[in-house]
Amino acid sequence: MPLPGRDACEGDTSRAGEQEPSRTGVLTLPQLEPLMSKDLRKYARQTNTRLIVGALALLFLVGDGLIYLLYGKSAAFMGLLCLLAGIIPIALTLIILALLNWISTHADRD
């Protein structure tokens, strides 16, 4: 006899070796294991990359979108140019640092 609030066909859906997904949408520890590796440095680097990409997306989409809504198309274009002009020195600095890191790790130490 089905329980109140459940369909008759729902029944026991558990299969051998599989866990039923959480109904609240919260991932449990066994479900998180494939997402997180044991290498904490890799996890930290990946998290930092995601945070930076998210912040840039928020800055460009929300910031420039608000400029577009409040001041129009030409002001949004100028805002986009200013954002890009501000990011160029940061990107160049990061590229130079990455190049120096690559040179220092691959240098012939005779």
N, C-alpha and C. Protein backbone atom coordinates (compact mmCIF):
# COMPACT_ATOMS: atom_id res chain seq x y z
N MET A 1 0.85 -1.17 0.00
CA MET A 1 0.00 0.00 0.00
C MET A 1 0.90 1.24 0.00
N PRO A 2 0.69 2.16 -0.95
CA PRO A 2 1.54 3.35 -1.03
C PRO A 2 1.28 4.29 0.13
N LEU A 3 2.32 4.99 0.51
CA LEU A 3 2.20 5.97 1.58
C LEU A 3 1.49 7.22 1.06
N PRO A 4 0.84 7.94 1.95
CA PRO A 4 0.16 9.16 1.51
C PRO A 4 1.18 10.15 0.92
N GLY A 5 0.81 10.77 -0.19
CA GLY A 5 1.69 11.75 -0.81
C GLY A 5 2.68 11.14 -1.79
N ARG A 6 2.70 9.82 -1.94
CA ARG A 6 3.63 9.16 -2.86
C ARG A 6 2.82 8.43 -3.91
N ASP A 7 3.35 8.39 -5.10
CA ASP A 7 2.69 7.64 -6.17
C ASP A 7 2.86 6.15 -5.94
N ALA A 8 1.93 5.38 -6.47
CA ALA A 8 2.01 3.94 -6.32
C ALA A 8 3.19 3.37 -7.09
N CYS A 9 3.57 4.04 -8.19
CA CYS A 9 4.65 3.51 -9.00
C CYS A 9 6.01 3.92 -8.45
N GLU A 10 6.05 4.84 -7.47
CA GLU A 10 7.33 5.29 -6.94
C GLU A 10 8.02 4.17 -6.16
N GLY A 11 7.35 3.58 -5.25
CA GLY A 11 7.83 2.40 -4.53
C GLY A 11 9.29 2.44 -4.15
N ASP A 12 9.93 1.28 -4.18
CA ASP A 12 11.34 1.15 -3.86
C ASP A 12 12.14 1.30 -5.15
N THR A 13 12.73 2.46 -5.33
CA THR A 13 13.48 2.72 -6.55
C THR A 13 14.97 2.53 -6.37
N SER A 14 15.39 2.11 -5.19
CA SER A 14 16.83 1.98 -4.94
C SER A 14 17.36 0.76 -5.68
N ARG A 15 18.47 0.97 -6.36
CA ARG A 15 19.14 -0.12 -7.05
C ARG A 15 20.40 -0.46 -6.29
N ALA A 16 20.90 -1.64 -6.54
CA ALA A 16 22.10 -2.08 -5.82
C ALA A 16 23.26 -1.16 -6.19
N GLY A 17 23.92 -0.58 -5.18
CA GLY A 17 25.10 0.24 -5.39
C GLY A 17 24.80 1.69 -5.72
N GLU A 18 23.54 2.06 -5.89
CA GLU A 18 23.20 3.44 -6.21
C GLU A 18 22.47 4.06 -5.02
N GLN A 19 22.71 5.36 -4.85
CA GLN A 19 22.02 6.08 -3.79
C GLN A 19 20.92 6.93 -4.40
N GLU A 20 19.83 7.04 -3.67
CA GLU A 20 18.73 7.87 -4.14
C GLU A 20 19.14 9.34 -4.00
N PRO A 21 18.92 10.16 -5.03
CA PRO A 21 19.30 11.56 -4.92
C PRO A 21 18.52 12.26 -3.83
N SER A 22 19.14 13.22 -3.24
CA SER A 22 18.53 13.96 -2.15
C SER A 22 17.35 14.77 -2.68
N ARG A 23 16.26 14.75 -1.97
CA ARG A 23 15.07 15.49 -2.41
C ARG A 23 15.21 16.98 -2.11
N THR A 24 16.11 17.36 -1.24
CA THR A 24 16.28 18.76 -0.90
C THR A 24 17.21 19.47 -1.86
N GLY A 25 17.91 18.75 -2.71
CA GLY A 25 18.84 19.35 -3.64
C GLY A 25 20.23 19.52 -3.06
N VAL A 26 20.43 19.11 -1.81
CA VAL A 26 21.73 19.23 -1.17
C VAL A 26 22.54 17.97 -1.48
N LEU A 27 23.77 18.16 -1.92
CA LEU A 27 24.62 17.01 -2.23
C LEU A 27 25.17 16.43 -0.94
N THR A 28 25.14 15.12 -0.85
CA THR A 28 25.70 14.45 0.32
C THR A 28 27.17 14.15 0.06
N LEU A 29 27.89 13.73 1.07
CA LEU A 29 29.32 13.51 0.95
C LEU A 29 29.68 12.53 -0.16
N PRO A 30 29.04 11.36 -0.30
CA PRO A 30 29.40 10.47 -1.41
C PRO A 30 29.16 11.10 -2.78
N GLN A 31 28.18 12.01 -2.88
CA GLN A 31 27.92 12.66 -4.16
C GLN A 31 28.96 13.75 -4.44
N LEU A 32 29.56 14.32 -3.40
CA LEU A 32 30.57 15.36 -3.57
C LEU A 32 31.94 14.80 -3.92
N GLU A 33 32.21 13.56 -3.60
CA GLU A 33 33.54 12.99 -3.81
C GLU A 33 34.02 13.09 -5.25
N PRO A 34 33.19 12.84 -6.28
CA PRO A 34 33.71 13.01 -7.64
C PRO A 34 34.00 14.47 -7.97
N LEU A 35 33.33 15.42 -7.31
CA LEU A 35 33.53 16.83 -7.60
C LEU A 35 34.82 17.36 -6.97
N MET A 36 35.18 16.87 -5.80
CA MET A 36 36.38 17.32 -5.10
C MET A 36 37.46 16.26 -5.22
N SER A 37 38.62 16.69 -5.66
CA SER A 37 39.72 15.75 -5.71
C SER A 37 40.46 15.78 -4.38
N LYS A 38 41.36 14.87 -4.20
CA LYS A 38 42.14 14.82 -2.96
C LYS A 38 43.26 15.85 -2.95
N ASP A 39 43.59 16.40 -4.14
CA ASP A 39 44.66 17.38 -4.25
C ASP A 39 44.11 18.76 -3.87
N LEU A 40 44.45 19.22 -2.67
CA LEU A 40 43.89 20.47 -2.17
C LEU A 40 44.45 21.68 -2.90
N ARG A 41 45.67 21.61 -3.39
CA ARG A 41 46.23 22.73 -4.14
C ARG A 41 45.48 22.92 -5.45
N LYS A 42 45.17 21.80 -6.11
CA LYS A 42 44.41 21.86 -7.36
C LYS A 42 43.01 22.41 -7.09
N TYR A 43 42.40 21.97 -6.00
CA TYR A 43 41.06 22.44 -5.62
C TYR A 43 41.08 23.93 -5.32
N ALA A 44 42.10 24.41 -4.60
CA ALA A 44 42.20 25.83 -4.28
C ALA A 44 42.43 26.66 -5.54
N ARG A 45 43.28 26.18 -6.44
CA ARG A 45 43.54 26.88 -7.70
C ARG A 45 42.26 26.96 -8.53
N GLN A 46 41.53 25.86 -8.59
CA GLN A 46 40.29 25.81 -9.35
C GLN A 46 39.25 26.76 -8.74
N THR A 47 39.17 26.79 -7.41
CA THR A 47 38.23 27.67 -6.74
C THR A 47 38.59 29.13 -6.98
N ASN A 48 39.88 29.47 -6.89
CA ASN A 48 40.30 30.84 -7.15
C ASN A 48 39.99 31.25 -8.59
N THR A 49 40.22 30.35 -9.53
CA THR A 49 39.92 30.65 -10.93
C THR A 49 38.44 30.91 -11.12
N ARG A 50 37.61 30.08 -10.51
CA ARG A 50 36.17 30.26 -10.63
C ARG A 50 35.71 31.57 -10.01
N LEU A 51 36.31 31.94 -8.87
CA LEU A 51 35.94 33.20 -8.23
C LEU A 51 36.33 34.40 -9.09
N ILE A 52 37.50 34.35 -9.71
CA ILE A 52 37.95 35.46 -10.55
C ILE A 52 37.07 35.57 -11.79
N VAL A 53 36.77 34.44 -12.42
CA VAL A 53 35.91 34.46 -13.61
C VAL A 53 34.51 34.97 -13.25
N GLY A 54 34.00 34.54 -12.11
CA GLY A 54 32.69 35.01 -11.67
C GLY A 54 32.67 36.49 -11.37
N ALA A 55 33.73 37.00 -10.74
CA ALA A 55 33.80 38.43 -10.44
C ALA A 55 33.88 39.25 -11.71
N LEU A 56 34.68 38.79 -12.68
CA LEU A 56 34.77 39.51 -13.95
C LEU A 56 33.45 39.48 -14.71
N ALA A 57 32.78 38.33 -14.70
CA ALA A 57 31.49 38.24 -15.37
C ALA A 57 30.48 39.17 -14.70
N LEU A 58 30.49 39.21 -13.38
CA LEU A 58 29.60 40.10 -12.65
C LEU A 58 29.90 41.55 -12.97
N LEU A 59 31.18 41.91 -13.00
CA LEU A 59 31.58 43.28 -13.31
C LEU A 59 31.15 43.68 -14.71
N PHE A 60 31.43 42.82 -15.69
CA PHE A 60 31.12 43.17 -17.07
C PHE A 60 29.62 43.11 -17.35
N LEU A 61 28.95 42.05 -16.93
CA LEU A 61 27.54 41.90 -17.27
C LEU A 61 26.65 42.83 -16.46
N VAL A 62 26.81 42.82 -15.15
CA VAL A 62 25.95 43.65 -14.31
C VAL A 62 26.36 45.12 -14.41
N GLY A 63 27.65 45.39 -14.30
CA GLY A 63 28.11 46.77 -14.34
C GLY A 63 27.79 47.44 -15.66
N ASP A 64 28.19 46.81 -16.75
CA ASP A 64 27.94 47.40 -18.06
C ASP A 64 26.46 47.34 -18.42
N GLY A 65 25.77 46.32 -17.92
CA GLY A 65 24.33 46.24 -18.16
C GLY A 65 23.58 47.38 -17.49
N LEU A 66 23.99 47.74 -16.28
CA LEU A 66 23.35 48.87 -15.60
C LEU A 66 23.66 50.18 -16.31
N ILE A 67 24.88 50.32 -16.79
CA ILE A 67 25.22 51.52 -17.56
C ILE A 67 24.33 51.60 -18.80
N TYR A 68 24.14 50.47 -19.46
CA TYR A 68 23.29 50.43 -20.66
C TYR A 68 21.85 50.82 -20.32
N LEU A 69 21.33 50.27 -19.22
CA LEU A 69 19.94 50.56 -18.85
C LEU A 69 19.75 52.02 -18.43
N LEU A 70 20.72 52.57 -17.72
CA LEU A 70 20.57 53.92 -17.19
C LEU A 70 20.95 55.01 -18.18
N TYR A 71 22.00 54.77 -18.98
CA TYR A 71 22.54 55.84 -19.81
C TYR A 71 22.49 55.58 -21.31
N GLY A 72 22.23 54.35 -21.73
CA GLY A 72 22.10 54.07 -23.15
C GLY A 72 23.27 53.29 -23.73
N LYS A 73 23.14 53.08 -25.04
CA LYS A 73 24.07 52.22 -25.76
C LYS A 73 25.47 52.80 -25.87
N SER A 74 25.58 54.08 -26.19
CA SER A 74 26.91 54.68 -26.38
C SER A 74 27.68 54.74 -25.05
N ALA A 75 27.00 55.01 -23.96
CA ALA A 75 27.66 55.04 -22.65
C ALA A 75 28.10 53.63 -22.24
N ALA A 76 27.31 52.63 -22.57
CA ALA A 76 27.68 51.25 -22.26
C ALA A 76 28.91 50.83 -23.05
N PHE A 77 28.98 51.27 -24.30
CA PHE A 77 30.16 50.97 -25.11
C PHE A 77 31.41 51.62 -24.52
N MET A 78 31.28 52.87 -24.08
CA MET A 78 32.41 53.56 -23.45
C MET A 78 32.77 52.88 -22.13
N GLY A 79 31.78 52.43 -21.38
CA GLY A 79 32.06 51.70 -20.14
C GLY A 79 32.79 50.40 -20.41
N LEU A 80 32.42 49.71 -21.47
CA LEU A 80 33.09 48.48 -21.86
C LEU A 80 34.54 48.75 -22.24
N LEU A 81 34.76 49.83 -22.99
CA LEU A 81 36.14 50.20 -23.35
C LEU A 81 36.97 50.52 -22.12
N CYS A 82 36.38 51.23 -21.17
CA CYS A 82 37.11 51.57 -19.94
C CYS A 82 37.42 50.33 -19.11
N LEU A 83 36.48 49.40 -19.04
CA LEU A 83 36.73 48.15 -18.31
C LEU A 83 37.85 47.36 -18.96
N LEU A 84 37.83 47.29 -20.28
CA LEU A 84 38.89 46.57 -20.99
C LEU A 84 40.23 47.27 -20.82
N ALA A 85 40.24 48.60 -20.85
CA ALA A 85 41.49 49.34 -20.66
C ALA A 85 42.04 49.13 -19.26
N GLY A 86 41.18 48.95 -18.29
CA GLY A 86 41.63 48.70 -16.92
C GLY A 86 42.16 47.29 -16.72
N ILE A 87 41.66 46.35 -17.51
CA ILE A 87 42.07 44.95 -17.35
C ILE A 87 43.37 44.66 -18.10
N ILE A 88 43.68 45.43 -19.13
CA ILE A 88 44.88 45.16 -19.94
C ILE A 88 46.16 45.17 -19.09
N PRO A 89 46.43 46.18 -18.24
CA PRO A 89 47.65 46.13 -17.43
C PRO A 89 47.70 44.93 -16.47
N ILE A 90 46.54 44.58 -15.92
CA ILE A 90 46.49 43.43 -15.01
C ILE A 90 46.81 42.16 -15.77
N ALA A 91 46.23 42.01 -16.96
CA ALA A 91 46.47 40.81 -17.77
C ALA A 91 47.94 40.74 -18.19
N LEU A 92 48.51 41.86 -18.60
CA LEU A 92 49.92 41.86 -18.99
C LEU A 92 50.83 41.48 -17.82
N THR A 93 50.52 42.00 -16.64
CA THR A 93 51.31 41.64 -15.45
C THR A 93 51.22 40.15 -15.16
N LEU A 94 50.01 39.59 -15.24
CA LEU A 94 49.84 38.16 -14.99
C LEU A 94 50.55 37.31 -16.04
N ILE A 95 50.53 37.75 -17.30
CA ILE A 95 51.23 37.02 -18.36
C ILE A 95 52.73 37.04 -18.13
N ILE A 96 53.26 38.20 -17.74
CA ILE A 96 54.70 38.30 -17.48
C ILE A 96 55.09 37.43 -16.29
N LEU A 97 54.29 37.43 -15.23
CA LEU A 97 54.59 36.59 -14.07
C LEU A 97 54.53 35.10 -14.43
N ALA A 98 53.56 34.71 -15.24
CA ALA A 98 53.46 33.31 -15.66
C ALA A 98 54.66 32.93 -16.52
N LEU A 99 55.10 33.84 -17.39
CA LEU A 99 56.27 33.58 -18.22
C LEU A 99 57.54 33.46 -17.37
N LEU A 100 57.69 34.32 -16.38
CA LEU A 100 58.84 34.22 -15.47
C LEU A 100 58.81 32.93 -14.67
N ASN A 101 57.63 32.51 -14.25
CA ASN A 101 57.50 31.24 -13.52
C ASN A 101 57.88 30.07 -14.42
N TRP A 102 57.44 30.10 -15.68
CA TRP A 102 57.77 29.03 -16.61
C TRP A 102 59.28 29.00 -16.87
N ILE A 103 59.89 30.18 -17.05
CA ILE A 103 61.33 30.23 -17.28
C ILE A 103 62.10 29.70 -16.08
N SER A 104 61.67 30.08 -14.88
CA SER A 104 62.40 29.63 -13.69
C SER A 104 62.26 28.14 -13.44
N THR A 105 61.15 27.53 -13.83
CA THR A 105 61.00 26.09 -13.63
C THR A 105 61.67 25.27 -14.72
N HIS A 106 61.82 25.85 -15.91
CA HIS A 106 62.41 25.11 -17.03
C HIS A 106 63.85 25.53 -17.35
N ALA A 107 64.41 26.39 -16.52
CA ALA A 107 65.78 26.85 -16.79
C ALA A 107 66.76 25.71 -16.56
N ASP A 108 67.78 25.67 -17.38
CA ASP A 108 68.84 24.66 -17.24
C ASP A 108 69.76 25.09 -16.10
N ARG A 109 69.79 24.32 -15.05
CA ARG A 109 70.57 24.68 -13.86
C ARG A 109 71.91 23.94 -13.83
N ASP A 110 72.76 24.28 -14.76
CA ASP A 110 74.09 23.64 -14.82
C ASP A 110 75.06 24.27 -13.88
